[in-house]
């Protein structure tokens, strides 16, 4: 598993996204989260948005309404 991570981070197009957002930010609507299992994935939406990136995910139950512009940065993987 770490070998796969190492090969992905070694790519020339790899970019590290600094942990620069908080779910405590008033613009994030945590009351729209229905379960604590949604917290991590929901956190990744504003992180992607703040870096003008996309969040590629297999998760079809992501609560994009909890994050302003969340739907715009979501890239669902079929």
N, C-alpha and C. Protein backbone atom coordinates (compact mmCIF):
# COMPACT_ATOMS: atom_id res chain seq x y z
N UNK A 1 0.82 -1.18 0.00
CA UNK A 1 0.00 0.00 0.00
C UNK A 1 0.86 1.25 0.00
N UNK A 2 1.91 1.29 0.79
CA UNK A 2 2.78 2.47 0.81
C UNK A 2 3.53 2.64 -0.50
N UNK A 3 3.79 1.54 -1.18
CA UNK A 3 4.46 1.64 -2.49
C UNK A 3 3.57 2.38 -3.48
N UNK A 4 2.28 2.11 -3.43
CA UNK A 4 1.33 2.81 -4.31
C UNK A 4 1.29 4.29 -3.99
N UNK A 5 1.27 4.63 -2.71
CA UNK A 5 1.27 6.03 -2.29
C UNK A 5 2.55 6.71 -2.75
N UNK A 6 3.67 6.04 -2.58
CA UNK A 6 4.96 6.61 -2.99
C UNK A 6 4.99 6.85 -4.50
N UNK A 7 4.45 5.93 -5.28
CA UNK A 7 4.47 6.12 -6.74
C UNK A 7 3.57 7.28 -7.16
N UNK A 8 2.45 7.47 -6.47
CA UNK A 8 1.56 8.59 -6.81
C UNK A 8 2.17 9.93 -6.42
N UNK A 9 2.80 10.00 -5.25
CA UNK A 9 3.38 11.27 -4.82
C UNK A 9 4.66 11.60 -5.58
N UNK A 10 5.24 10.64 -6.26
CA UNK A 10 6.45 10.89 -7.05
C UNK A 10 6.12 11.46 -8.43
N UNK A 11 4.87 11.45 -8.81
CA UNK A 11 4.47 11.96 -10.12
C UNK A 11 4.73 13.46 -10.21
N UNK A 12 5.08 13.92 -11.40
CA UNK A 12 5.36 15.34 -11.62
C UNK A 12 4.12 16.21 -11.40
N UNK A 13 2.94 15.64 -11.60
CA UNK A 13 1.72 16.43 -11.44
C UNK A 13 1.11 16.32 -10.04
N UNK A 14 1.82 15.68 -9.12
CA UNK A 14 1.35 15.58 -7.73
C UNK A 14 1.48 16.93 -7.04
N UNK A 15 0.46 17.31 -6.29
CA UNK A 15 0.47 18.56 -5.53
C UNK A 15 0.00 18.25 -4.11
N UNK A 16 0.75 18.70 -3.12
CA UNK A 16 0.34 18.54 -1.72
C UNK A 16 -0.58 19.69 -1.35
N UNK A 17 -1.72 19.38 -0.78
CA UNK A 17 -2.66 20.41 -0.33
C UNK A 17 -2.50 20.59 1.17
N UNK A 18 -2.01 21.75 1.55
CA UNK A 18 -1.80 22.03 2.97
C UNK A 18 -3.14 22.04 3.71
N UNK A 19 -3.12 21.53 4.91
CA UNK A 19 -4.31 21.47 5.76
C UNK A 19 -4.64 22.87 6.24
N UNK A 20 -5.48 23.56 5.47
CA UNK A 20 -5.69 24.98 5.72
C UNK A 20 -7.15 25.36 5.98
N UNK A 21 -8.00 24.38 6.20
CA UNK A 21 -9.41 24.67 6.45
C UNK A 21 -9.86 24.03 7.75
N UNK A 22 -11.00 24.47 8.23
CA UNK A 22 -11.56 23.92 9.46
C UNK A 22 -13.05 23.70 9.28
N UNK A 23 -13.54 22.59 9.79
CA UNK A 23 -14.98 22.36 9.76
C UNK A 23 -15.72 23.30 10.71
N UNK A 24 -14.97 23.99 11.56
CA UNK A 24 -15.58 24.95 12.46
C UNK A 24 -15.82 26.30 11.79
N UNK A 25 -15.35 26.46 10.55
CA UNK A 25 -15.59 27.69 9.79
C UNK A 25 -17.09 27.91 9.66
N UNK A 26 -17.52 29.12 9.86
CA UNK A 26 -18.96 29.42 9.85
C UNK A 26 -19.62 29.20 8.49
N UNK A 27 -18.83 29.13 7.42
CA UNK A 27 -19.42 28.91 6.09
C UNK A 27 -19.76 27.45 5.84
N UNK A 28 -19.27 26.56 6.68
CA UNK A 28 -19.53 25.13 6.51
C UNK A 28 -20.74 24.75 7.37
N UNK A 29 -21.71 24.14 6.75
CA UNK A 29 -22.98 23.81 7.41
C UNK A 29 -22.94 22.39 7.98
N UNK A 30 -22.26 22.24 9.11
CA UNK A 30 -22.11 20.91 9.70
C UNK A 30 -23.44 20.32 10.15
N UNK A 31 -24.45 21.14 10.34
CA UNK A 31 -25.76 20.61 10.74
C UNK A 31 -26.39 19.77 9.63
N UNK A 32 -25.86 19.87 8.43
CA UNK A 32 -26.38 19.08 7.31
C UNK A 32 -25.76 17.68 7.25
N UNK A 33 -24.77 17.44 8.07
CA UNK A 33 -24.16 16.11 8.13
C UNK A 33 -25.06 15.21 8.95
N UNK A 34 -25.36 14.05 8.43
CA UNK A 34 -26.29 13.14 9.08
C UNK A 34 -25.60 12.11 9.96
N UNK A 35 -24.32 11.88 9.72
CA UNK A 35 -23.59 10.87 10.49
C UNK A 35 -22.13 11.29 10.62
N UNK A 36 -21.49 10.86 11.70
CA UNK A 36 -20.09 11.23 11.88
C UNK A 36 -19.20 10.60 10.82
N UNK A 37 -19.68 9.60 10.12
CA UNK A 37 -18.91 8.99 9.03
C UNK A 37 -18.77 9.94 7.84
N UNK A 38 -19.55 11.01 7.80
CA UNK A 38 -19.50 11.97 6.69
C UNK A 38 -18.52 13.11 6.96
N UNK A 39 -17.98 13.19 8.15
CA UNK A 39 -17.14 14.33 8.53
C UNK A 39 -15.88 14.42 7.69
N UNK A 40 -15.12 13.34 7.57
CA UNK A 40 -13.85 13.39 6.85
C UNK A 40 -14.05 13.76 5.38
N UNK A 41 -14.98 13.09 4.72
CA UNK A 41 -15.21 13.39 3.31
C UNK A 41 -15.70 14.81 3.11
N UNK A 42 -16.54 15.28 4.01
CA UNK A 42 -17.04 16.65 3.91
C UNK A 42 -15.91 17.64 4.12
N UNK A 43 -14.98 17.33 5.00
CA UNK A 43 -13.81 18.18 5.22
C UNK A 43 -12.98 18.33 3.95
N UNK A 44 -12.90 17.27 3.16
CA UNK A 44 -12.08 17.30 1.94
C UNK A 44 -12.64 18.25 0.88
N UNK A 45 -13.94 18.50 0.90
CA UNK A 45 -14.54 19.42 -0.09
C UNK A 45 -14.01 20.85 0.06
N UNK A 46 -14.08 21.48 1.25
CA UNK A 46 -13.53 22.84 1.33
C UNK A 46 -12.01 22.87 1.18
N UNK A 47 -11.35 21.77 1.54
CA UNK A 47 -9.90 21.72 1.32
C UNK A 47 -9.60 21.79 -0.17
N UNK A 48 -10.31 21.01 -0.96
CA UNK A 48 -10.13 21.05 -2.42
C UNK A 48 -10.49 22.43 -2.96
N UNK A 49 -11.60 22.96 -2.51
CA UNK A 49 -12.06 24.26 -2.99
C UNK A 49 -11.06 25.37 -2.69
N UNK A 50 -10.49 25.35 -1.51
CA UNK A 50 -9.55 26.42 -1.12
C UNK A 50 -8.25 26.38 -1.92
N UNK A 51 -7.99 25.25 -2.59
CA UNK A 51 -6.78 25.11 -3.40
C UNK A 51 -7.11 25.05 -4.90
N UNK A 52 -8.35 25.42 -5.27
CA UNK A 52 -8.78 25.34 -6.67
C UNK A 52 -8.53 23.96 -7.26
N UNK A 53 -8.84 22.94 -6.47
CA UNK A 53 -8.65 21.55 -6.88
C UNK A 53 -10.00 20.86 -6.95
N UNK A 54 -9.99 19.62 -7.42
CA UNK A 54 -11.19 18.79 -7.44
C UNK A 54 -11.01 17.64 -6.46
N UNK A 55 -12.10 17.21 -5.86
CA UNK A 55 -12.08 16.03 -5.01
C UNK A 55 -12.64 14.86 -5.81
N UNK A 56 -11.75 13.96 -6.21
CA UNK A 56 -12.16 12.76 -6.93
C UNK A 56 -12.50 11.69 -5.90
N UNK A 57 -13.70 11.13 -6.01
CA UNK A 57 -14.14 10.16 -5.01
C UNK A 57 -15.11 9.15 -5.60
N UNK A 58 -15.12 7.97 -4.98
CA UNK A 58 -16.11 6.94 -5.31
C UNK A 58 -17.37 7.13 -4.45
N UNK A 59 -17.29 7.97 -3.44
CA UNK A 59 -18.38 8.17 -2.48
C UNK A 59 -19.55 8.89 -3.13
N UNK A 60 -20.66 8.22 -3.26
CA UNK A 60 -21.85 8.81 -3.89
C UNK A 60 -22.77 9.48 -2.87
N UNK A 61 -22.41 9.39 -1.58
CA UNK A 61 -23.26 9.94 -0.53
C UNK A 61 -22.67 11.20 0.10
N UNK A 62 -21.73 11.82 -0.57
CA UNK A 62 -21.09 13.01 -0.03
C UNK A 62 -22.11 14.15 0.10
N UNK A 63 -22.07 14.87 1.21
CA UNK A 63 -23.02 15.94 1.47
C UNK A 63 -22.44 17.25 0.94
N UNK A 64 -22.60 17.49 -0.35
CA UNK A 64 -22.04 18.69 -0.97
C UNK A 64 -22.74 19.95 -0.49
N UNK A 65 -23.98 19.84 -0.04
CA UNK A 65 -24.74 21.01 0.42
C UNK A 65 -24.17 21.59 1.71
N UNK A 66 -23.33 20.86 2.39
CA UNK A 66 -22.74 21.35 3.64
C UNK A 66 -21.63 22.35 3.39
N UNK A 67 -21.14 22.40 2.16
CA UNK A 67 -19.99 23.25 1.83
C UNK A 67 -20.35 24.17 0.67
N UNK A 68 -20.24 25.49 0.84
CA UNK A 68 -20.50 26.39 -0.28
C UNK A 68 -19.60 26.05 -1.47
N UNK A 69 -20.19 25.82 -2.62
CA UNK A 69 -19.43 25.45 -3.81
C UNK A 69 -18.97 24.01 -3.80
N UNK A 70 -19.45 23.22 -2.85
CA UNK A 70 -19.02 21.82 -2.73
C UNK A 70 -19.29 20.99 -3.96
N UNK A 71 -20.44 21.20 -4.56
CA UNK A 71 -20.79 20.42 -5.75
C UNK A 71 -19.86 20.73 -6.92
N UNK A 72 -19.38 21.96 -7.00
CA UNK A 72 -18.52 22.38 -8.11
C UNK A 72 -17.14 21.73 -8.06
N UNK A 73 -16.67 21.36 -6.87
CA UNK A 73 -15.32 20.78 -6.76
C UNK A 73 -15.36 19.26 -6.66
N UNK A 74 -16.55 18.68 -6.72
CA UNK A 74 -16.69 17.23 -6.63
C UNK A 74 -16.53 16.59 -8.00
N UNK A 75 -15.67 15.59 -8.09
CA UNK A 75 -15.45 14.84 -9.32
C UNK A 75 -15.76 13.38 -9.01
N UNK A 76 -17.02 12.96 -9.23
CA UNK A 76 -17.38 11.58 -8.91
C UNK A 76 -16.72 10.58 -9.85
N UNK A 77 -16.19 9.52 -9.28
CA UNK A 77 -15.59 8.45 -10.07
C UNK A 77 -16.62 7.33 -10.16
N UNK A 78 -17.06 6.98 -11.38
CA UNK A 78 -18.09 5.92 -11.52
C UNK A 78 -17.55 4.54 -11.17
